[in-house]
Protein backbone atom coordinates (compact mmCIF):
# COMPACT_ATOMS: atom_id res chain seq x y z
CA MET A 1 48.64 77.93 -62.46
CA GLU A 2 49.71 79.42 -59.12
CA ILE A 3 52.72 78.25 -57.12
CA SER A 4 50.56 78.21 -54.00
CA VAL A 5 48.23 75.67 -55.61
CA LEU A 6 51.21 73.49 -56.56
CA SER A 7 52.33 73.62 -52.92
CA GLU A 8 48.85 72.54 -51.86
CA PHE A 9 49.00 69.63 -54.31
CA VAL A 10 52.43 68.54 -52.98
CA GLU A 11 51.17 68.61 -49.39
CA LEU A 12 47.94 66.78 -50.29
CA ALA A 13 49.96 64.09 -52.08
CA LYS A 14 51.73 63.36 -48.77
CA SER A 15 48.66 63.02 -46.57
CA CYS A 16 46.01 62.04 -49.15
CA ASN A 17 43.61 63.70 -46.73
CA PHE A 18 41.87 66.94 -47.70
CA GLN A 19 40.97 67.91 -44.14
CA ILE A 20 44.47 67.40 -42.70
CA THR A 21 46.09 69.29 -45.58
CA ALA A 22 43.55 72.12 -45.38
CA ASP A 23 44.16 72.48 -41.64
CA ASP A 24 47.93 72.52 -42.07
CA MET A 25 47.75 75.16 -44.80
CA ALA A 26 45.15 77.31 -43.03
CA LEU A 27 42.51 76.70 -45.70
CA THR A 28 38.99 75.40 -45.64
CA GLN A 29 38.48 71.93 -47.08
CA SER A 30 36.18 73.32 -49.78
CA THR A 31 38.79 75.90 -50.85
CA LEU A 32 41.47 73.23 -51.12
CA SER A 33 39.12 71.00 -53.13
CA LYS A 34 38.37 73.86 -55.54
CA HIS A 35 42.07 74.60 -56.01
CA ILE A 36 42.93 70.96 -56.75
CA HIS A 37 39.94 70.61 -59.09
CA LYS A 38 41.03 73.74 -60.98
CA LEU A 39 44.59 72.39 -61.26
CA GLU A 40 43.27 69.11 -62.66
CA GLU A 41 41.14 71.03 -65.18
CA GLU A 42 44.19 72.98 -66.34
CA LEU A 43 46.21 69.78 -66.74
CA GLY A 44 43.37 67.88 -68.37
CA VAL A 45 43.77 64.85 -66.09
CA SER A 46 42.72 63.75 -62.63
CA LEU A 47 45.64 63.55 -60.19
CA PHE A 48 43.80 61.60 -57.49
CA ASP A 49 41.45 58.64 -57.44
CA ARG A 50 38.63 59.55 -55.08
CA THR A 51 36.05 57.38 -53.36
CA THR A 52 33.70 58.19 -50.51
CA ARG A 53 36.24 56.71 -48.11
CA SER A 54 39.66 57.48 -49.52
CA VAL A 55 41.82 59.71 -51.71
CA THR A 56 44.73 58.09 -53.55
CA LEU A 57 47.38 59.59 -55.81
CA ASN A 58 46.99 57.97 -59.25
CA ALA A 59 49.60 57.38 -61.97
CA TYR A 60 49.15 60.90 -63.40
CA GLY A 61 49.49 62.37 -59.93
CA GLU A 62 52.63 60.37 -59.12
CA GLN A 63 54.30 61.54 -62.32
CA TYR A 64 53.23 65.17 -61.91
CA LEU A 65 54.34 65.20 -58.26
CA ILE A 66 57.98 64.83 -59.34
CA TYR A 67 57.83 68.08 -61.30
CA ALA A 68 55.58 69.92 -58.83
CA ARG A 69 58.11 69.31 -56.06
CA GLN A 70 60.92 70.61 -58.24
CA ILE A 71 58.95 73.73 -59.17
CA CYS A 72 58.14 74.47 -55.52
CA GLU A 73 61.74 73.83 -54.51
CA ILE A 74 63.08 76.16 -57.21
CA HIS A 75 60.52 78.80 -56.24
CA GLU A 76 61.58 78.64 -52.58
CA GLN A 77 65.24 78.82 -53.60
CA SER A 78 64.63 81.81 -55.87
CA LEU A 79 62.84 83.74 -53.10
CA ALA A 80 65.62 82.97 -50.64
CA THR A 81 68.26 84.06 -53.16
CA LEU A 82 66.50 87.35 -53.91
CA ASP A 83 66.03 88.02 -50.23
CA SER A 84 69.69 87.33 -49.50
CA MET A 85 70.65 89.74 -52.30
CA LYS A 86 68.45 92.42 -50.75
CA ARG A 87 70.03 91.82 -47.37
CA GLY A 88 73.49 91.73 -48.86
CA LYS A 89 74.31 88.50 -47.08
CA LYS A 90 73.47 84.80 -47.05
CA TYR A 91 70.51 83.35 -45.27
CA ILE A 92 71.53 81.42 -42.16
CA VAL A 93 69.94 78.35 -40.60
CA ASN A 94 71.18 77.05 -37.24
CA ILE A 95 70.79 73.25 -37.08
CA GLY A 96 71.44 71.23 -33.95
CA PHE A 97 71.84 67.50 -33.35
CA MET A 98 73.40 65.07 -30.90
CA ASP A 99 76.79 63.63 -31.82
CA LYS A 100 75.53 60.05 -31.52
CA HIS A 101 72.75 60.76 -34.03
CA GLY A 102 75.37 61.36 -36.73
CA MET A 103 75.17 57.62 -37.46
CA TYR A 104 71.73 58.14 -39.03
CA GLY A 105 72.98 60.16 -41.99
CA ILE A 106 72.19 63.61 -40.62
CA VAL A 107 75.55 65.02 -41.69
CA GLU A 108 75.01 63.69 -45.22
CA ALA A 109 71.50 65.17 -45.29
CA ILE A 110 72.79 68.60 -44.24
CA SER A 111 75.57 68.38 -46.82
CA GLN A 112 73.06 67.61 -49.58
CA PHE A 113 70.89 70.50 -48.42
CA SER A 114 73.87 72.86 -48.69
CA ARG A 115 74.51 71.71 -52.25
CA LEU A 116 70.86 72.24 -53.18
CA HIS A 117 70.71 75.62 -51.43
CA PRO A 118 74.08 77.38 -51.73
CA GLU A 119 72.35 80.66 -50.82
CA ILE A 120 71.75 79.36 -47.27
CA LYS A 121 74.64 79.17 -44.82
CA VAL A 122 74.32 76.27 -42.38
CA ASN A 123 75.60 76.60 -38.82
CA ILE A 124 75.85 73.22 -37.06
CA ILE A 125 75.35 72.97 -33.31
CA GLU A 126 76.29 69.78 -31.42
CA ARG A 127 74.73 69.36 -27.96
CA GLU A 128 72.99 66.82 -25.76
CA GLY A 129 69.25 66.34 -26.28
CA HIS A 130 67.88 68.45 -23.42
CA ASP A 131 70.29 71.29 -24.29
CA LEU A 132 69.20 71.20 -27.93
CA LYS A 133 65.55 71.51 -27.07
CA GLY A 134 66.33 74.41 -24.75
CA MET A 135 68.21 76.17 -27.55
CA LEU A 136 65.29 75.63 -29.91
CA ASP A 137 62.82 77.02 -27.37
CA ALA A 138 65.08 80.03 -26.74
CA GLY A 139 65.44 80.76 -30.46
CA LYS A 140 69.17 79.96 -30.47
CA ALA A 141 68.60 77.08 -32.91
CA ASP A 142 66.24 77.15 -35.88
CA VAL A 143 65.95 73.37 -36.37
CA ILE A 144 67.07 70.43 -34.24
CA PHE A 145 67.12 66.68 -34.76
CA TYR A 146 65.45 65.08 -31.76
CA ALA A 147 64.33 61.58 -30.79
CA GLU A 148 62.16 62.19 -27.74
CA LYS A 149 58.41 62.68 -28.11
CA VAL A 150 57.12 66.26 -28.41
CA ASN A 151 53.71 67.84 -28.83
CA PRO A 152 53.03 68.45 -32.57
CA ARG A 153 50.89 71.41 -31.54
CA GLU A 154 54.04 73.14 -30.24
CA TYR A 155 56.55 72.04 -32.88
CA HIS A 156 56.72 71.46 -36.61
CA VAL A 157 57.76 67.80 -36.69
CA ALA A 158 59.26 66.28 -39.85
CA ARG A 159 60.20 62.61 -39.57
CA PHE A 160 63.78 61.99 -40.69
CA THR A 161 64.23 58.28 -39.99
CA THR A 162 63.02 55.47 -37.74
CA ASP A 163 65.13 53.10 -35.65
CA ARG A 164 64.38 50.18 -33.35
CA LEU A 165 65.89 48.54 -30.28
CA VAL A 166 67.80 45.29 -30.75
CA ALA A 167 69.70 42.78 -28.63
CA VAL A 168 73.47 42.51 -29.02
CA VAL A 169 74.95 39.12 -28.12
CA PRO A 170 78.26 37.25 -28.67
CA SER A 171 78.37 35.14 -31.81
CA GLY A 172 78.43 31.92 -29.76
CA HIS A 173 75.34 32.82 -27.73
CA ALA A 174 72.14 30.77 -28.15
CA LEU A 175 70.19 33.88 -29.19
CA ALA A 176 72.69 34.49 -32.01
CA GLU A 177 71.03 31.67 -33.97
CA MET A 178 67.56 33.19 -33.63
CA ASP A 179 65.85 35.33 -36.28
CA ALA A 180 64.41 37.42 -33.43
CA THR A 181 64.06 37.41 -29.66
CA THR A 182 61.53 38.67 -27.11
CA LEU A 183 61.70 40.57 -23.85
CA GLN A 184 60.59 37.38 -22.12
CA GLU A 185 63.66 35.56 -23.47
CA LEU A 186 65.93 38.48 -22.62
CA ALA A 187 64.60 38.46 -19.05
CA LYS A 188 66.58 35.23 -18.58
CA GLU A 189 69.85 36.98 -19.47
CA SER A 190 72.31 39.12 -17.54
CA LEU A 191 71.83 42.50 -19.21
CA ILE A 192 74.12 45.49 -19.54
CA GLU A 193 71.86 48.55 -19.68
CA HIS A 194 72.70 51.20 -22.26
CA LYS A 195 72.44 54.29 -20.08
CA THR A 196 70.71 56.74 -22.41
CA VAL A 197 67.50 58.56 -21.50
CA LEU A 198 65.61 57.58 -24.65
CA GLU A 199 66.47 53.88 -24.59
CA MET A 200 65.85 53.58 -20.85
CA ARG A 201 62.41 55.17 -21.28
CA LEU A 202 61.55 52.93 -24.23
CA MET A 203 62.61 49.82 -22.30
CA ALA A 204 60.61 50.84 -19.22
CA GLU A 205 57.49 51.36 -21.36
CA ALA A 206 57.98 48.08 -23.25
CA CYS A 207 58.60 46.07 -20.05
CA LYS A 208 55.48 47.55 -18.48
CA GLU A 209 53.46 46.68 -21.59
CA GLU A 210 54.83 43.12 -21.73
CA LYS A 211 54.77 42.69 -17.91
CA VAL A 212 58.44 41.72 -17.92
CA SER A 213 61.19 42.44 -15.39
CA LEU A 214 64.75 42.49 -16.73
CA ASP A 215 67.94 41.65 -14.82
CA TYR A 216 70.49 44.43 -15.27
CA VAL A 217 73.95 43.70 -13.91
CA THR A 218 75.22 47.22 -14.62
CA SER A 219 74.36 50.44 -16.48
CA ILE A 220 76.91 51.88 -18.92
CA TYR A 221 76.75 55.02 -21.08
CA HIS A 222 79.41 54.36 -23.71
CA ALA A 223 78.47 51.74 -26.31
CA SER A 224 82.14 50.89 -26.95
CA THR A 225 82.52 49.87 -23.30
CA ILE A 226 79.36 47.76 -23.50
CA MET A 227 80.78 45.92 -26.52
CA LYS A 228 83.96 45.09 -24.57
CA MET A 229 81.85 43.75 -21.70
CA ILE A 230 79.78 41.61 -24.09
CA ARG A 231 82.99 40.26 -25.59
CA GLU A 232 84.27 39.38 -22.08
CA GLY A 233 81.08 37.45 -21.30
CA ILE A 234 79.74 39.85 -18.65
CA GLY A 235 76.33 39.99 -20.28
CA VAL A 236 74.32 40.96 -23.35
CA SER A 237 72.75 44.32 -24.11
CA ILE A 238 69.80 46.11 -25.67
CA MET A 239 70.34 49.30 -27.65
CA SER A 240 69.28 51.08 -30.83
CA ARG A 241 70.07 49.23 -34.05
CA GLY A 242 71.96 52.28 -35.34
CA CYS A 243 74.21 52.32 -32.30
CA ALA A 244 74.68 48.56 -32.40
CA MET A 245 75.67 48.51 -36.07
CA GLU A 246 78.03 51.43 -35.46
CA ASN A 247 79.87 49.72 -32.59
CA ALA A 248 79.46 45.94 -32.85
CA SER A 249 82.36 43.87 -34.17
CA ALA A 250 82.38 40.71 -36.30
CA ASP A 251 82.23 38.47 -33.21
CA MET A 252 78.84 39.88 -32.18
CA VAL A 253 75.34 39.40 -33.52
CA VAL A 254 72.52 41.94 -33.62
CA VAL A 255 69.16 40.25 -32.97
CA PRO A 256 65.80 42.00 -33.62
CA ILE A 257 63.33 42.22 -30.72
CA VAL A 258 59.65 41.40 -31.24
CA PRO A 259 57.29 43.08 -30.84
CA SER A 260 59.33 45.93 -32.31
CA ILE A 261 60.32 48.80 -30.02
CA THR A 262 60.74 51.72 -32.42
CA PHE A 263 61.42 55.44 -32.23
CA ASP A 264 61.71 58.31 -34.72
CA ILE A 265 64.49 60.80 -35.27
CA ASN A 266 62.64 64.01 -36.19
CA ALA A 267 63.58 67.46 -37.40
CA LEU A 268 61.85 70.03 -35.18
CA SER A 269 61.19 73.74 -35.43
CA ASN A 270 59.18 75.80 -32.96
CA ARG A 271 55.56 76.58 -33.88
CA GLY A 272 55.48 79.28 -31.22
CA GLN A 273 58.08 81.38 -33.00
CA SER A 274 58.12 82.92 -36.44
CA MET A 275 60.02 80.40 -38.55
CA SER A 276 62.74 81.94 -40.69
CA SER A 277 62.38 81.25 -44.39
CA SER A 278 65.66 79.29 -44.34
CA ALA A 279 64.37 77.04 -41.54
CA ASP A 280 61.15 76.56 -43.47
CA VAL A 281 63.12 75.55 -46.58
CA PHE A 282 65.12 73.04 -44.50
CA ILE A 283 62.01 71.50 -42.90
CA ARG A 284 60.40 71.19 -46.34
CA TYR A 285 63.58 69.55 -47.63
CA ILE A 286 63.49 66.95 -44.82
CA ARG A 287 59.80 66.23 -45.42
CA ASP A 288 60.23 65.88 -49.19
CA TYR A 289 63.42 63.81 -49.22
CA TYR A 290 63.23 61.73 -46.06
CA GLY A 291 59.88 61.51 -44.34
CA LYS A 292 56.65 63.30 -43.73
CA GLU A 293 55.20 65.81 -41.33
CA VAL A 294 53.71 64.59 -38.08
CA HIS A 295 50.36 66.35 -37.88
CA SER A 296 48.92 67.92 -34.76
CA LYS A 297 45.58 66.57 -33.57
């Protein structure tokens, strides 16, 4: 069997959609179907359960996927190693992220990647969001972790993790006893705005959707300062759950907001530039271990 066909199987197992996978891999749907059918013939089992409406990975497919991923990973690593030997130096991948996103396990993910791929040297770049995107567009970064929305037609987008906005209140507050709260309930509170571009945009969109107007008494950038103000009874706040859990103390309660206001932290590379093989290996690593690719439409 060919490595390329195994790669097609791994990608199809993620989307369970022949057309999407064929488009992403620059194949026709019929070619992809023939390749998967040939693979199944070689293995002597069907890997997918197919109906006229859906394609689902079956028990054979789930088991085989474990090994197919490993084979593809080892193949990518072997090519990178041989190439680095020919060049006489290590491959390099320049990865950027915002300092505050370190709470989501990005550092640990990069560390694991380095252990899996010792042939690739990782350079870490720490910048603010708009600077990171500019570096990616200019080719000064190969991959960045980014939370704002981008066009999947312009960027390879691999979801790393998802977070949500929550309310942070003192432990004695009435909302502290609630399993969840709403924007309508929070509209009755004196709010300390977390002054970050992403969270402010998400709140503006959610308030417009819910037709709610919130009462902000002040706008503060640093979460640690917000926590002190909550403790002093100045108000309550809304921020990402990751940030809240990182900064809240035992005398505060994190309360979910419903309907959920969520956002993704994604790994991005630029579709408009030739992706280095090391960046491609990193994006594949993020997709395989943490999330899935966001497809262009």
